[in-house]
Amino acid sequence: MSSEVLEDLLKKDIYEDTWEWWKAQLYFLREDKDFHEAEAVFKEFSMYKSRSCGLDS
């Protein structure tokens, strides 16, 4: 594999791991009834997701 392909695979893996972490964090905060922090996490992740460089396709 070329280095570009490996780099793209690594970026996608990091993105997917980050996505799973954010979902788990949001779930935990909602369960803990920390709605202000959950909203902040959601807004921060929304900005991150919009910069995903098309990796979620």
C-alpha atoms as a PDB file:
ATOM      1  CA  MET A   1       0.000   0.000   0.000  1.00  0.00           C
ATOM      2  CA  SER A   2       1.126   3.508  -0.676  1.00  0.00           C
ATOM      3  CA  SER A   3       1.808   5.910   2.154  1.00  0.00           C
ATOM      4  CA  GLU A   4      -1.213   8.015   1.094  1.00  0.00           C
ATOM      5  CA  VAL A   5      -3.530   5.032   1.426  1.00  0.00           C
ATOM      6  CA  LEU A   6      -2.083   4.153   4.833  1.00  0.00           C
ATOM      7  CA  GLU A   7      -2.408   7.767   5.990  1.00  0.00           C
ATOM      8  CA  ASP A   8      -6.059   7.879   4.852  1.00  0.00           C
ATOM      9  CA  LEU A   9      -6.773   4.608   6.674  1.00  0.00           C
ATOM     10  CA  LEU A  10      -5.154   5.962   9.842  1.00  0.00           C
ATOM     11  CA  LYS A  11      -7.173   9.189   9.645  1.00  0.00           C
ATOM     12  CA  LYS A  12     -10.372   7.204   9.172  1.00  0.00           C
ATOM     13  CA  ASP A  13      -9.537   4.948  12.133  1.00  0.00           C
ATOM     14  CA  ILE A  14      -8.802   7.951  14.362  1.00  0.00           C
ATOM     15  CA  TYR A  15     -12.036   9.619  13.237  1.00  0.00           C
ATOM     16  CA  GLU A  16     -14.095   6.496  13.983  1.00  0.00           C
ATOM     17  CA  ASP A  17     -12.484   6.068  17.427  1.00  0.00           C
ATOM     18  CA  THR A  18     -13.110   9.724  18.213  1.00  0.00           C
ATOM     19  CA  TRP A  19     -16.732   9.412  17.077  1.00  0.00           C
ATOM     20  CA  GLU A  20     -17.279   6.425  19.390  1.00  0.00           C
ATOM     21  CA  TRP A  21     -15.626   8.241  22.317  1.00  0.00           C
ATOM     22  CA  TRP A  22     -17.810  11.335  21.849  1.00  0.00           C
ATOM     23  CA  LYS A  23     -20.988   9.241  21.652  1.00  0.00           C
ATOM     24  CA  ALA A  24     -20.050   7.391  24.842  1.00  0.00           C
ATOM     25  CA  GLN A  25     -19.179  10.648  26.613  1.00  0.00           C
ATOM     26  CA  LEU A  26     -22.481  12.225  25.596  1.00  0.00           C
ATOM     27  CA  TYR A  27     -24.419   9.161  26.779  1.00  0.00           C
ATOM     28  CA  PHE A  28     -22.609   9.177  30.123  1.00  0.00           C
ATOM     29  CA  LEU A  29     -23.292  12.883  30.689  1.00  0.00           C
ATOM     30  CA  ARG A  30     -26.967  12.505  29.842  1.00  0.00           C
ATOM     31  CA  GLU A  31     -27.304   9.519  32.160  1.00  0.00           C
ATOM     32  CA  ASP A  32     -25.603  11.564  34.882  1.00  0.00           C
ATOM     33  CA  LYS A  33     -28.087  14.387  34.171  1.00  0.00           C
ATOM     34  CA  ASP A  34     -25.242  16.800  33.429  1.00  0.00           C
ATOM     35  CA  PHE A  35     -27.184  18.444  30.632  1.00  0.00           C
ATOM     36  CA  HIS A  36     -25.098  21.624  30.413  1.00  0.00           C
ATOM     37  CA  GLU A  37     -21.902  19.640  29.897  1.00  0.00           C
ATOM     38  CA  ALA A  38     -23.679  17.263  27.482  1.00  0.00           C
ATOM     39  CA  GLU A  39     -24.788  20.248  25.414  1.00  0.00           C
ATOM     40  CA  ALA A  40     -21.238  21.644  25.378  1.00  0.00           C
ATOM     41  CA  VAL A  41     -19.825  18.280  24.287  1.00  0.00           C
ATOM     42  CA  PHE A  42     -22.478  17.998  21.581  1.00  0.00           C
ATOM     43  CA  LYS A  43     -21.706  21.474  20.227  1.00  0.00           C
ATOM     44  CA  GLU A  44     -17.963  20.823  20.276  1.00  0.00           C
ATOM     45  CA  PHE A  45     -18.371  17.514  18.469  1.00  0.00           C
ATOM     46  CA  SER A  46     -20.714  19.079  15.917  1.00  0.00           C
ATOM     47  CA  MET A  47     -17.899  21.453  14.954  1.00  0.00           C
ATOM     48  CA  TYR A  48     -15.429  18.536  14.825  1.00  0.00           C
ATOM     49  CA  LYS A  49     -17.763  16.435  12.695  1.00  0.00           C
ATOM     50  CA  SER A  50     -18.262  19.270  10.208  1.00  0.00           C
ATOM     51  CA  ARG A  51     -14.463  19.293   9.670  1.00  0.00           C
ATOM     52  CA  SER A  52     -14.280  15.538   9.093  1.00  0.00           C
ATOM     53  CA  CYS A  53     -12.811  16.005   5.594  1.00  0.00           C
ATOM     54  CA  GLY A  54     -15.331  13.580   4.143  1.00  0.00           C
ATOM     55  CA  LEU A  55     -14.001  10.601   6.077  1.00  0.00           C
ATOM     56  CA  ASP A  56     -17.443   9.498   7.239  1.00  0.00           C
ATOM     57  CA  SER A  57     -18.560   8.334   3.803  1.00  0.00           C
END
